């Protein structure tokens, strides 16, 4: 009989219960004793000692998680893994921390304070950081990191120092230590040479990656800004996944502008909000509609950078007809984010029409209840906004490209969703394309013309073109049509690998079940424009 589950689960409390169980049951020690009784082979782990001159940080959690993974893996493989902790207590980091604490600036200050007292202060500092609440022992236990801290090696102990001198003597006796000369940097404050590691702790000017984003304003005290996009600049794009707010200066002047640009021969108009002093970053014709201080837009709301969408595709009672003929009839279909679907049906069943409603190529989509990533078709996005989230491959797609196009240029066009390459690539885009070509094992054909490649190679190039922008939704329409069995199997294996390594949503259209990769777990079967069945294939 299972114990009843609590109405509300506290994950921190659950973790503490597990840690208490490990400690009271001595699970770590038992894992060692079991392997010792089995006379298991040894796997020695000595932790590269963290410096104990301060409290641990989140980066230590990340590094120790990786260490713990290796040790647990080796234990499960049958090894005796004695995990030896260690603390680095020597060097300038500890001395600098103590000198600041004692307000000592020069070596003369340290000598006046007393070498013995100074050394004791250093030992007290590292011991404090190891044992204090929130210190190294606390962190080690709380993250579930198994390591023997009771017999840890500590670099400031006589035993450890003597072992280092013993090792140096072995080198000396073998003639491996000699006197030489080297120019090294000198600390004017501590009056001691600096190691390369200590020297690298200084600051230097570096070129950081930076990105611009446009975030659509949904609600603002200045109502004329609703629907405009506020421009954001950051040098830490890796933090955007956790974004919850934007910073504006209350007394900084901002502008609401209308920008007219040309895109593939078409005129595009966008409304932006940005600091007046930054108008020079904009391309195209810029018209300032209004200016205001930042305090006037405090409390504005904008669409999330990475919305937590539930469905990649959602269709509610969708019906399509041409010239009085019903092509799709009352289609209700939901594709959750991350799911892998196949669509099957005879010729004329409505498969191609269904796909065209998703990819923004069918104007009748806007008259139906169709949602792509929880946004209704026709709610304001351009066709380019929709295509940006979708990678698409069809069996005839390569025929649309000019014969002068190489494989590399064809893949590059996928970054811009164009049949052709009309822009100069930057170095990051070139690197991205090269990475995909290497991953799909087609780098050797990058300079060959697309029309000269085999049909199988053309299909892989088209797949790379669809994947190069890392779309959250990949649609493959009869991708194995015309391929031989070997090429079909290779293509299916590629899709399985991509599905295994990403959370990409997949819609795979095929007449034949044997052409469908094993990663597909759900099936939609159409018959005469209606859903015959939806089912899980696992």
Protein backbone atom coordinates (compact mmCIF):
# COMPACT_ATOMS: atom_id res chain seq x y z
CA UNK A 1 0.00 0.00 0.00
CA UNK A 2 1.49 3.33 -1.05
CA UNK A 3 1.51 6.31 1.27
CA UNK A 4 -0.91 9.02 0.09
CA UNK A 5 0.68 11.81 -1.93
CA UNK A 6 0.59 15.29 -0.40
CA UNK A 7 -1.74 17.80 -2.00
CA UNK A 8 1.15 20.18 -2.59
CA UNK A 9 4.70 18.97 -3.22
CA UNK A 10 7.67 21.06 -2.07
CA UNK A 11 10.64 20.11 -4.22
CA UNK A 12 13.23 21.63 -1.84
CA UNK A 13 11.67 19.63 1.01
CA UNK A 14 11.70 16.49 -1.15
CA UNK A 15 15.40 17.02 -1.88
CA UNK A 16 16.16 17.50 1.82
CA UNK A 17 14.33 14.24 2.62
CA UNK A 18 16.48 12.40 0.07
CA UNK A 19 19.67 13.94 1.50
CA UNK A 20 18.62 12.95 5.03
CA UNK A 21 17.97 9.40 3.87
CA UNK A 22 21.39 9.20 2.22
CA UNK A 23 23.08 10.45 5.40
CA UNK A 24 21.16 8.34 7.97
CA UNK A 25 21.50 5.21 5.83
CA UNK A 26 25.15 5.87 4.95
CA UNK A 27 24.42 5.25 1.26
CA UNK A 28 27.71 6.78 0.08
CA UNK A 29 29.76 4.68 2.49
CA UNK A 30 27.77 1.56 1.63
CA UNK A 31 28.49 2.08 -2.08
CA UNK A 32 32.21 2.07 -1.26
CA UNK A 33 32.05 -0.94 1.06
CA UNK A 34 30.08 -2.98 -1.48
CA UNK A 35 32.66 -2.41 -4.20
CA UNK A 36 35.47 -3.09 -1.70
CA UNK A 37 33.93 -6.48 -0.83
CA UNK A 38 33.69 -7.26 -4.53
CA UNK A 39 37.40 -6.46 -4.94
CA UNK A 40 36.35 -4.08 -7.71
CA UNK A 41 38.89 -2.27 -9.90
CA UNK A 42 39.84 1.21 -8.67
CA UNK A 43 38.96 4.51 -10.24
CA UNK A 44 40.83 7.27 -8.42
CA UNK A 45 39.23 10.70 -8.15
CA UNK A 46 41.10 13.59 -6.53
CA UNK A 47 39.11 16.78 -6.78
CA UNK A 48 41.08 19.58 -8.36
CA UNK A 49 40.83 21.66 -5.23
CA UNK A 50 38.62 24.74 -5.28
CA UNK A 51 40.19 27.82 -3.71
CA UNK A 52 38.68 28.33 -0.25
CA UNK A 53 39.36 32.07 -0.02
CA UNK A 54 35.65 32.80 -0.45
CA UNK A 55 32.19 31.30 -0.41
CA UNK A 56 31.22 28.95 -3.26
CA UNK A 57 29.29 30.24 -6.27
CA UNK A 58 26.89 28.81 -8.83
CA UNK A 59 29.76 27.99 -11.20
CA UNK A 60 31.05 25.54 -8.59
CA UNK A 61 27.67 23.77 -8.69
CA UNK A 62 27.96 23.37 -12.44
CA UNK A 63 31.53 22.03 -12.34
CA UNK A 64 30.86 19.68 -9.43
CA UNK A 65 27.73 18.31 -11.10
CA UNK A 66 29.88 17.16 -14.01
CA UNK A 67 32.44 15.64 -11.64
CA UNK A 68 29.70 13.84 -9.73
CA UNK A 69 28.24 12.44 -12.95
CA UNK A 70 31.56 10.81 -13.85
CA UNK A 71 32.05 9.31 -10.39
CA UNK A 72 28.50 7.93 -10.18
CA UNK A 73 28.80 6.53 -13.70
CA UNK A 74 32.03 4.74 -12.81
CA UNK A 75 30.44 3.38 -9.62
CA UNK A 76 27.51 1.99 -11.60
CA UNK A 77 29.99 0.41 -14.03
CA UNK A 78 31.40 -1.61 -11.13
CA UNK A 79 34.43 0.44 -10.05
CA UNK A 80 35.54 1.27 -6.52
CA UNK A 81 35.48 5.06 -6.66
CA UNK A 82 36.95 6.75 -3.60
CA UNK A 83 36.24 10.43 -4.06
CA UNK A 84 38.95 12.52 -2.40
CA UNK A 85 38.07 16.13 -1.58
CA UNK A 86 40.69 18.86 -1.40
CA UNK A 87 41.03 22.54 -0.58
CA UNK A 88 43.44 24.98 -2.21
CA UNK A 89 44.55 27.37 0.55
CA UNK A 90 47.81 28.76 -0.84
CA UNK A 91 48.62 31.65 -3.10
CA UNK A 92 47.64 35.26 -3.60
CA UNK A 93 43.82 34.86 -3.55
CA UNK A 94 43.83 33.94 0.16
CA UNK A 95 46.53 36.47 1.08
CA UNK A 96 44.79 39.31 -0.76
CA UNK A 97 41.48 38.49 0.96
CA UNK A 98 43.14 38.46 4.40
CA UNK A 99 45.11 41.65 3.70
CA UNK A 100 41.90 43.45 2.79
CA UNK A 101 40.22 42.09 5.90
CA UNK A 102 43.09 43.30 8.14
CA UNK A 103 43.64 46.54 6.18
CA UNK A 104 47.26 45.57 5.38
CA UNK A 105 48.70 47.07 2.19
CA UNK A 106 52.43 46.32 1.95
CA UNK A 107 54.80 43.54 2.99
CA UNK A 108 56.07 45.83 5.74
CA UNK A 109 52.51 46.04 7.08
CA UNK A 110 52.33 42.23 7.13
CA UNK A 111 55.71 41.96 8.88
CA UNK A 112 54.62 44.52 11.48
CA UNK A 113 51.40 42.59 12.05
CA UNK A 114 53.40 39.39 12.56
CA UNK A 115 53.96 36.49 10.14
CA UNK A 116 52.58 33.89 12.57
CA UNK A 117 49.45 35.94 13.23
CA UNK A 118 49.05 36.58 9.49
CA UNK A 119 49.37 32.87 8.65
CA UNK A 120 46.83 32.04 11.36
CA UNK A 121 44.43 34.61 9.90
CA UNK A 122 44.81 32.92 6.50
CA UNK A 123 44.08 29.49 8.00
CA UNK A 124 41.11 30.85 9.93
CA UNK A 125 39.69 32.41 6.77
CA UNK A 126 39.76 29.22 4.71
CA UNK A 127 38.46 27.11 7.61
CA UNK A 128 35.62 29.59 8.02
CA UNK A 129 34.61 29.36 4.37
CA UNK A 130 34.74 25.56 4.48
CA UNK A 131 32.65 25.09 7.63
CA UNK A 132 30.39 28.16 7.81
CA UNK A 133 26.66 28.00 7.09
CA UNK A 134 26.36 28.44 3.34
CA UNK A 135 30.03 27.49 2.92
CA UNK A 136 31.70 24.62 1.11
CA UNK A 137 30.44 21.81 3.35
CA UNK A 138 26.89 23.16 3.19
CA UNK A 139 26.98 23.45 -0.60
CA UNK A 140 28.52 20.00 -1.00
CA UNK A 141 25.76 18.37 1.03
CA UNK A 142 22.91 20.43 -0.42
CA UNK A 143 23.71 19.64 -4.04
CA UNK A 144 24.06 15.91 -3.30
CA UNK A 145 27.74 15.84 -4.27
CA UNK A 146 29.37 12.67 -2.92
CA UNK A 147 32.96 13.31 -1.85
CA UNK A 148 35.01 12.42 1.24
CA UNK A 149 35.52 15.74 3.05
CA UNK A 150 36.55 14.23 6.39
CA UNK A 151 39.93 13.18 4.99
CA UNK A 152 40.31 16.02 2.49
CA UNK A 153 43.80 17.12 1.54
CA UNK A 154 44.47 20.75 2.48
CA UNK A 155 47.40 22.48 0.85
CA UNK A 156 48.42 24.52 3.92
CA UNK A 157 48.96 21.48 6.20
CA UNK A 158 52.47 20.26 7.00
CA UNK A 159 51.68 16.80 5.61
CA UNK A 160 50.73 18.23 2.23
CA UNK A 161 53.67 20.67 2.11
CA UNK A 162 56.10 17.88 3.00
CA UNK A 163 54.66 15.70 0.22
CA UNK A 164 55.31 18.50 -2.28
CA UNK A 165 58.91 18.90 -1.08
CA UNK A 166 59.34 15.11 -1.30
CA UNK A 167 58.13 15.15 -4.93
CA UNK A 168 60.44 18.05 -5.76
CA UNK A 169 63.38 16.13 -4.27
CA UNK A 170 62.62 13.18 -6.55
CA UNK A 171 62.78 15.52 -9.52
CA UNK A 172 66.01 17.09 -8.19
CA UNK A 173 67.67 13.70 -7.64
CA UNK A 174 66.87 12.76 -11.25
CA UNK A 175 68.42 15.99 -12.54
CA UNK A 176 65.09 17.36 -13.70
CA UNK A 177 65.31 20.65 -11.76
CA UNK A 178 67.77 23.31 -12.81
CA UNK A 179 68.38 27.00 -12.23
CA UNK A 180 67.25 29.29 -15.00
CA UNK A 181 66.12 32.81 -15.73
CA UNK A 182 62.73 34.06 -16.82
CA UNK A 183 61.07 37.45 -17.00
CA UNK A 184 57.82 37.35 -15.04
CA UNK A 185 55.27 40.01 -14.02
CA UNK A 186 55.65 41.45 -10.53
CA UNK A 187 52.97 42.61 -8.11
CA UNK A 188 54.06 46.03 -6.77
CA UNK A 189 51.74 45.67 -3.76
CA UNK A 190 52.47 42.11 -2.64
CA UNK A 191 56.06 42.35 -3.98
CA UNK A 192 56.00 38.83 -5.39
CA UNK A 193 55.95 37.35 -8.90
CA UNK A 194 52.54 36.68 -10.45
CA UNK A 195 51.69 33.35 -12.04
CA UNK A 196 50.01 33.27 -15.43
CA UNK A 197 46.75 32.30 -13.71
CA UNK A 198 46.91 35.19 -11.27
CA UNK A 199 47.82 37.60 -14.05
CA UNK A 200 44.82 36.48 -16.11
CA UNK A 201 42.50 37.52 -13.27
CA UNK A 202 42.95 41.13 -14.36
CA UNK A 203 40.65 42.96 -16.76
CA UNK A 204 41.14 43.57 -20.45
CA UNK A 205 39.08 45.09 -23.22
CA UNK A 206 37.24 42.38 -25.15
CA UNK A 207 34.71 42.38 -27.97
CA UNK A 208 31.48 40.89 -26.64
CA UNK A 209 28.74 39.35 -28.76
CA UNK A 210 25.71 41.62 -28.90
CA UNK A 211 22.22 41.24 -30.28
CA UNK A 212 19.29 43.51 -31.05
CA UNK A 213 15.74 42.35 -30.41
CA UNK A 214 12.37 43.83 -31.20
CA UNK A 215 9.67 43.09 -28.64
CA UNK A 216 6.07 43.86 -29.52
CA UNK A 217 4.34 46.16 -27.02
CA UNK A 218 0.92 44.82 -26.04
CA UNK A 219 -0.11 47.46 -23.49
CA UNK A 220 1.33 50.89 -22.68
CA UNK A 221 0.29 54.06 -20.81
CA UNK A 222 0.92 55.76 -24.15
CA UNK A 223 -1.70 53.85 -26.13
CA UNK A 224 -0.29 54.89 -29.51
CA UNK A 225 2.66 52.58 -28.79
CA UNK A 226 0.48 49.46 -28.61
CA UNK A 227 1.56 47.17 -31.45
CA UNK A 228 4.91 48.92 -31.93
CA UNK A 229 8.13 47.07 -31.13
CA UNK A 230 10.54 48.30 -28.50
CA UNK A 231 14.16 47.75 -29.54
CA UNK A 232 16.45 46.04 -27.05
CA UNK A 233 20.24 45.69 -27.09
CA UNK A 234 22.23 43.28 -24.93
CA UNK A 235 25.73 41.79 -24.72
CA UNK A 236 24.48 38.83 -22.65
CA UNK A 237 22.08 37.03 -25.02
CA UNK A 238 22.33 33.84 -22.96
CA UNK A 239 20.24 35.55 -20.24
CA UNK A 240 17.28 36.16 -22.55
CA UNK A 241 15.69 32.79 -21.76
CA UNK A 242 14.96 34.08 -18.23
CA UNK A 243 13.90 37.59 -19.27
CA UNK A 244 11.04 39.04 -17.22
CA UNK A 245 11.48 42.82 -17.64
CA UNK A 246 13.20 45.60 -19.58
CA UNK A 247 15.08 48.54 -18.08
CA UNK A 248 14.28 52.08 -19.21
CA UNK A 249 15.72 55.34 -17.96
CA UNK A 250 13.05 57.59 -16.45
CA UNK A 251 14.74 60.74 -17.73
CA UNK A 252 16.06 59.37 -21.03
CA UNK A 253 14.27 60.63 -24.13
CA UNK A 254 12.71 57.91 -26.28
CA UNK A 255 11.17 58.12 -29.74
CA UNK A 256 8.29 56.38 -31.48
CA UNK A 257 9.36 56.05 -35.12
CA UNK A 258 8.01 54.67 -38.37
CA UNK A 259 10.70 52.95 -40.46
CA UNK A 260 10.22 52.16 -44.16
CA UNK A 261 12.56 49.58 -45.72
CA UNK A 262 12.74 47.46 -48.86
CA UNK A 263 12.75 43.65 -48.50
CA UNK A 264 13.11 41.55 -51.67
CA UNK A 265 11.54 44.34 -53.69
CA UNK A 266 8.64 44.84 -51.30
CA UNK A 267 8.12 47.87 -49.08
CA UNK A 268 7.91 47.12 -45.37
CA UNK A 269 6.80 49.52 -42.63
CA UNK A 270 7.62 48.92 -38.97
CA UNK A 271 6.99 50.97 -35.84
CA UNK A 272 9.78 51.03 -33.24
CA UNK A 273 10.44 52.57 -29.83
CA UNK A 274 14.05 53.37 -28.92
CA UNK A 275 16.22 56.03 -27.31
CA UNK A 276 16.37 59.18 -29.43
CA UNK A 277 20.17 59.13 -29.21
CA UNK A 278 20.20 55.70 -30.92
CA UNK A 279 18.19 56.55 -34.03
CA UNK A 280 21.36 56.25 -36.11
CA UNK A 281 21.28 52.43 -35.85
CA UNK A 282 18.14 52.24 -37.99
CA UNK A 283 18.23 51.51 -41.71
CA UNK A 284 15.72 52.82 -44.21
CA UNK A 285 13.58 55.95 -44.08
CA UNK A 286 12.96 57.01 -40.47
CA UNK A 287 10.04 59.26 -39.45
CA UNK A 288 9.83 60.37 -35.80
CA UNK A 289 6.17 60.26 -34.72
CA UNK A 290 6.63 61.37 -31.10
CA UNK A 291 9.18 61.69 -28.29
CA UNK A 292 8.77 61.20 -24.53
CA UNK A 293 10.69 60.45 -21.34
CA UNK A 294 11.10 56.90 -20.09
CA UNK A 295 8.88 57.48 -17.05
CA UNK A 296 5.91 57.86 -19.43
CA UNK A 297 6.16 54.22 -20.53
CA UNK A 298 6.84 52.61 -17.15
CA UNK A 299 4.50 49.67 -16.67
CA UNK A 300 4.25 48.87 -20.37
CA UNK A 301 3.85 45.20 -21.25
CA UNK A 302 5.41 43.30 -24.15
CA UNK A 303 5.26 39.85 -25.69
CA UNK A 304 7.63 37.36 -24.07
CA UNK A 305 10.86 36.68 -25.94
CA UNK A 306 10.39 32.93 -25.60
CA UNK A 307 6.67 32.43 -24.98
CA UNK A 308 5.76 29.27 -23.13
CA UNK A 309 3.51 27.95 -25.88
CA UNK A 310 1.67 24.67 -25.55
CA UNK A 311 0.78 23.94 -29.16
CA UNK A 312 2.88 24.24 -32.32
CA UNK A 313 -0.23 23.84 -34.47
CA UNK A 314 -3.90 24.05 -33.54
CA UNK A 315 -6.82 23.83 -35.98
CA UNK A 316 -10.43 24.27 -34.89
CA UNK A 317 -13.16 23.13 -37.30
CA UNK A 318 -11.12 24.07 -40.39
CA UNK A 319 -12.85 23.73 -43.77
CA UNK A 320 -11.40 24.59 -47.20
CA UNK A 321 -13.09 24.48 -50.60
CA UNK A 322 -12.07 25.41 -54.16
CA UNK A 323 -14.62 26.15 -56.88
CA UNK A 324 -17.34 24.52 -54.84
CA UNK A 325 -15.34 21.34 -54.14
CA UNK A 326 -14.72 20.50 -50.48
CA UNK A 327 -10.98 19.87 -49.95
CA UNK A 328 -10.86 19.81 -46.14
CA UNK A 329 -13.92 19.33 -43.98
CA UNK A 330 -14.15 20.19 -40.26
CA UNK A 331 -10.54 19.47 -39.34
CA UNK A 332 -9.83 19.50 -35.59
CA UNK A 333 -6.14 18.83 -34.93
CA UNK A 334 -3.66 19.76 -32.22
CA UNK A 335 0.12 19.33 -32.35
CA UNK A 336 1.78 19.94 -29.01
CA UNK A 337 5.22 21.52 -28.97
CA UNK A 338 7.87 18.82 -29.32
CA UNK A 339 5.55 16.17 -30.77
CA UNK A 340 6.45 14.22 -33.94
CA UNK A 341 3.53 13.55 -36.30
CA UNK A 342 3.06 11.80 -39.63
CA UNK A 343 0.29 12.73 -42.07
CA UNK A 344 -0.88 10.03 -44.45
CA UNK A 345 -3.62 9.58 -47.02
CA UNK A 346 -4.18 8.83 -50.71
CA UNK A 347 -3.57 11.39 -53.46
CA UNK A 348 -6.22 14.10 -53.17
CA UNK A 349 -6.93 13.35 -49.51
CA UNK A 350 -6.02 16.93 -48.54
CA UNK A 351 -2.47 16.51 -47.20
CA UNK A 352 -0.88 19.27 -49.30
CA UNK A 353 -3.70 21.70 -48.56
CA UNK A 354 -3.38 21.02 -44.84
CA UNK A 355 0.35 21.75 -44.96
CA UNK A 356 -0.16 24.95 -46.97
CA UNK A 357 -2.44 26.27 -44.23
CA UNK A 358 0.45 25.98 -41.76
CA UNK A 359 3.27 27.35 -43.92
CA UNK A 360 1.40 30.61 -44.69
CA UNK A 361 1.13 29.88 -48.43
CA UNK A 362 -2.67 29.45 -48.43
CA UNK A 363 -4.75 32.65 -48.16
CA UNK A 364 -7.78 30.69 -46.90
CA UNK A 365 -5.86 30.06 -43.67
CA UNK A 366 -6.77 33.53 -42.45
CA UNK A 367 -10.50 32.81 -42.64
CA UNK A 368 -10.20 29.79 -40.34
CA UNK A 369 -9.36 29.12 -36.70
CA UNK A 370 -5.69 28.21 -37.20
CA UNK A 371 -3.06 28.89 -34.54
CA UNK A 372 0.71 28.55 -35.03
CA UNK A 373 2.60 28.51 -31.72
CA UNK A 374 -0.57 29.74 -30.03
CA UNK A 375 -0.86 32.78 -32.35
CA UNK A 376 -3.90 32.98 -34.58
CA UNK A 377 -3.15 33.24 -38.29
CA UNK A 378 -4.02 36.75 -39.37
CA UNK A 379 -3.43 38.39 -35.99
CA UNK A 380 -0.74 40.74 -37.26
CA UNK A 381 2.27 38.65 -38.26
CA UNK A 382 3.69 38.95 -41.74
CA UNK A 383 4.32 35.87 -43.86
CA UNK A 384 8.01 36.27 -42.96
CA UNK A 385 7.22 36.16 -39.24
CA UNK A 386 5.42 32.85 -39.77
CA UNK A 387 8.06 31.30 -42.02
CA UNK A 388 10.81 32.26 -39.58
CA UNK A 389 9.54 29.53 -37.21
CA UNK A 390 9.11 26.83 -39.85
CA UNK A 391 11.61 24.73 -41.77
CA UNK A 392 10.10 23.16 -44.89
CA UNK A 393 11.24 20.51 -47.39
CA UNK A 394 9.32 19.19 -50.40
CA UNK A 395 10.46 16.79 -53.16
CA UNK A 396 10.35 19.45 -55.89
CA UNK A 397 11.85 22.31 -53.89
CA UNK A 398 15.31 22.08 -55.47
CA UNK A 399 13.78 22.82 -58.90
CA UNK A 400 13.02 26.41 -57.89
CA UNK A 401 16.71 27.32 -57.53
CA UNK A 402 18.77 28.78 -60.36
CA UNK A 403 21.40 26.48 -61.86
CA UNK A 404 24.12 28.92 -60.82
CA UNK A 405 23.47 28.17 -57.14
CA UNK A 406 25.96 26.12 -55.18
CA UNK A 407 24.99 23.83 -52.31
CA UNK A 408 26.40 26.36 -49.82
CA UNK A 409 24.42 29.28 -51.30
CA UNK A 410 21.25 27.20 -51.35
CA UNK A 411 21.56 26.40 -47.65
CA UNK A 412 22.37 30.05 -46.87
CA UNK A 413 19.09 31.18 -48.47
CA UNK A 414 17.27 29.32 -45.68
CA UNK A 415 18.40 31.99 -43.23
CA UNK A 416 16.21 34.50 -45.07
CA UNK A 417 13.41 32.22 -46.38
CA UNK A 418 14.13 33.24 -49.96
CA UNK A 419 14.54 31.24 -53.17
CA UNK A 420 17.89 32.84 -53.84
CA UNK A 421 20.60 34.60 -51.88
CA UNK A 422 20.37 38.38 -52.06
CA UNK A 423 22.41 39.37 -49.03
CA UNK A 424 26.04 39.25 -48.01
CA UNK A 425 26.64 36.77 -45.21
CA UNK A 426 28.49 37.74 -42.04
CA UNK A 427 31.11 35.50 -40.44
CA UNK A 428 28.67 34.06 -37.87
CA UNK A 429 26.26 33.01 -40.62
CA UNK A 430 29.06 31.39 -42.62
CA UNK A 431 30.18 29.46 -39.52
CA UNK A 432 26.60 28.33 -38.84
CA UNK A 433 26.11 27.04 -42.39
CA UNK A 434 29.47 25.26 -42.29
CA UNK A 435 28.55 23.62 -38.98
CA UNK A 436 25.31 22.23 -40.42
CA UNK A 437 27.08 20.97 -43.54
CA UNK A 438 29.66 19.19 -41.40
CA UNK A 439 26.96 17.71 -39.19
CA UNK A 440 25.07 16.36 -42.21
CA UNK A 441 28.31 15.19 -43.87
CA UNK A 442 27.91 17.34 -46.99
CA UNK A 443 30.72 19.86 -46.53
CA UNK A 444 32.63 18.22 -49.38
CA UNK A 445 29.94 19.30 -51.88
CA UNK A 446 29.56 22.90 -50.69
CA UNK A 447 31.00 24.44 -53.90
CA UNK A 448 29.19 22.13 -56.32
CA UNK A 449 26.16 23.38 -58.18
CA UNK A 450 22.87 22.18 -56.76
CA UNK A 451 21.58 20.84 -60.10
CA UNK A 452 24.73 18.69 -60.51
CA UNK A 453 24.15 16.78 -57.26
CA UNK A 454 22.41 13.44 -56.98
CA UNK A 455 18.78 13.48 -55.91
CA UNK A 456 19.76 12.17 -52.47
CA UNK A 457 22.36 14.91 -52.03
CA UNK A 458 19.87 17.56 -53.18
CA UNK A 459 17.39 16.35 -50.58
CA UNK A 460 20.01 16.59 -47.79
CA UNK A 461 20.92 20.12 -48.96
CA UNK A 462 17.24 21.06 -48.76
CA UNK A 463 17.08 19.59 -45.26
CA UNK A 464 20.12 21.66 -44.23
CA UNK A 465 18.44 24.75 -45.71
CA UNK A 466 15.37 24.08 -43.56
CA UNK A 467 17.42 23.46 -40.41
CA UNK A 468 19.99 26.26 -40.68
CA UNK A 469 17.74 28.80 -38.92
CA UNK A 470 16.98 26.26 -36.13
CA UNK A 471 13.19 26.42 -36.58
CA UNK A 472 10.96 25.16 -33.77
CA UNK A 473 8.74 23.42 -36.38
CA UNK A 474 10.07 21.20 -39.19
CA UNK A 475 7.68 20.10 -41.96
CA UNK A 476 8.87 17.41 -44.37
CA UNK A 477 6.48 16.85 -47.29
CA UNK A 478 7.20 13.51 -49.00
CA UNK A 479 10.96 13.97 -48.41
CA UNK A 480 11.83 10.43 -49.56
CA UNK A 481 9.96 10.60 -52.86
CA UNK A 482 12.22 9.40 -55.69
CA UNK A 483 15.01 8.13 -53.41
CA UNK A 484 16.33 4.58 -53.47
CA UNK A 485 16.20 2.35 -50.38
CA UNK A 486 19.71 3.26 -49.22
CA UNK A 487 19.01 6.98 -49.52
CA UNK A 488 15.65 6.58 -47.74
CA UNK A 489 17.27 4.78 -44.81
CA UNK A 490 20.02 7.40 -44.57
CA UNK A 491 17.48 10.24 -44.61
CA UNK A 492 15.34 8.56 -41.93
CA UNK A 493 18.43 8.06 -39.73
CA UNK A 494 19.27 11.77 -40.06
CA UNK A 495 15.78 12.77 -38.94
CA UNK A 496 15.95 10.38 -35.98
CA UNK A 497 19.30 11.87 -34.88
CA UNK A 498 17.96 15.44 -35.20
CA UNK A 499 14.83 14.50 -33.25
CA UNK A 500 16.92 12.83 -30.55
CA UNK A 501 19.18 15.85 -30.08
CA UNK A 502 16.58 18.66 -30.29
CA UNK A 503 13.05 19.42 -29.07
CA UNK A 504 11.97 20.39 -32.59
CA UNK A 505 8.34 19.69 -33.50
CA UNK A 506 8.08 17.47 -36.60
CA UNK A 507 5.30 16.99 -39.18
CA UNK A 508 6.23 14.27 -41.68
CA UNK A 509 4.00 13.68 -44.73
CA UNK A 510 4.30 10.35 -46.54
CA UNK A 511 2.26 7.83 -48.53
CA UNK A 512 4.29 4.93 -47.20
CA UNK A 513 4.67 3.87 -43.57
CA UNK A 514 8.11 2.39 -44.29
CA UNK A 515 9.39 5.88 -45.22
CA UNK A 516 8.49 7.32 -41.80
CA UNK A 517 11.38 7.64 -39.28
CA UNK A 518 11.10 5.86 -35.94
CA UNK A 519 10.99 9.15 -33.97
CA UNK A 520 7.42 9.74 -35.21
CA UNK A 521 5.00 8.74 -32.46
CA UNK A 522 1.65 10.15 -33.66
CA UNK A 523 -0.29 9.69 -36.88
CA UNK A 524 -3.00 11.71 -38.65
CA UNK A 525 -4.74 9.90 -41.53
CA UNK A 526 -6.84 11.88 -44.01
CA UNK A 527 -9.49 10.46 -46.30
CA UNK A 528 -11.43 12.63 -48.76
CA UNK A 529 -10.59 15.80 -46.83
CA UNK A 530 -11.69 14.45 -43.47
CA UNK A 531 -9.76 13.01 -40.54
CA UNK A 532 -10.11 9.23 -40.73
CA UNK A 533 -8.20 8.71 -37.49
CA UNK A 534 -5.64 10.20 -35.11
CA UNK A 535 -3.57 7.83 -33.02
CA UNK A 536 -0.32 7.27 -31.20
CA UNK A 537 2.01 4.86 -33.00
CA UNK A 538 3.99 3.90 -29.87
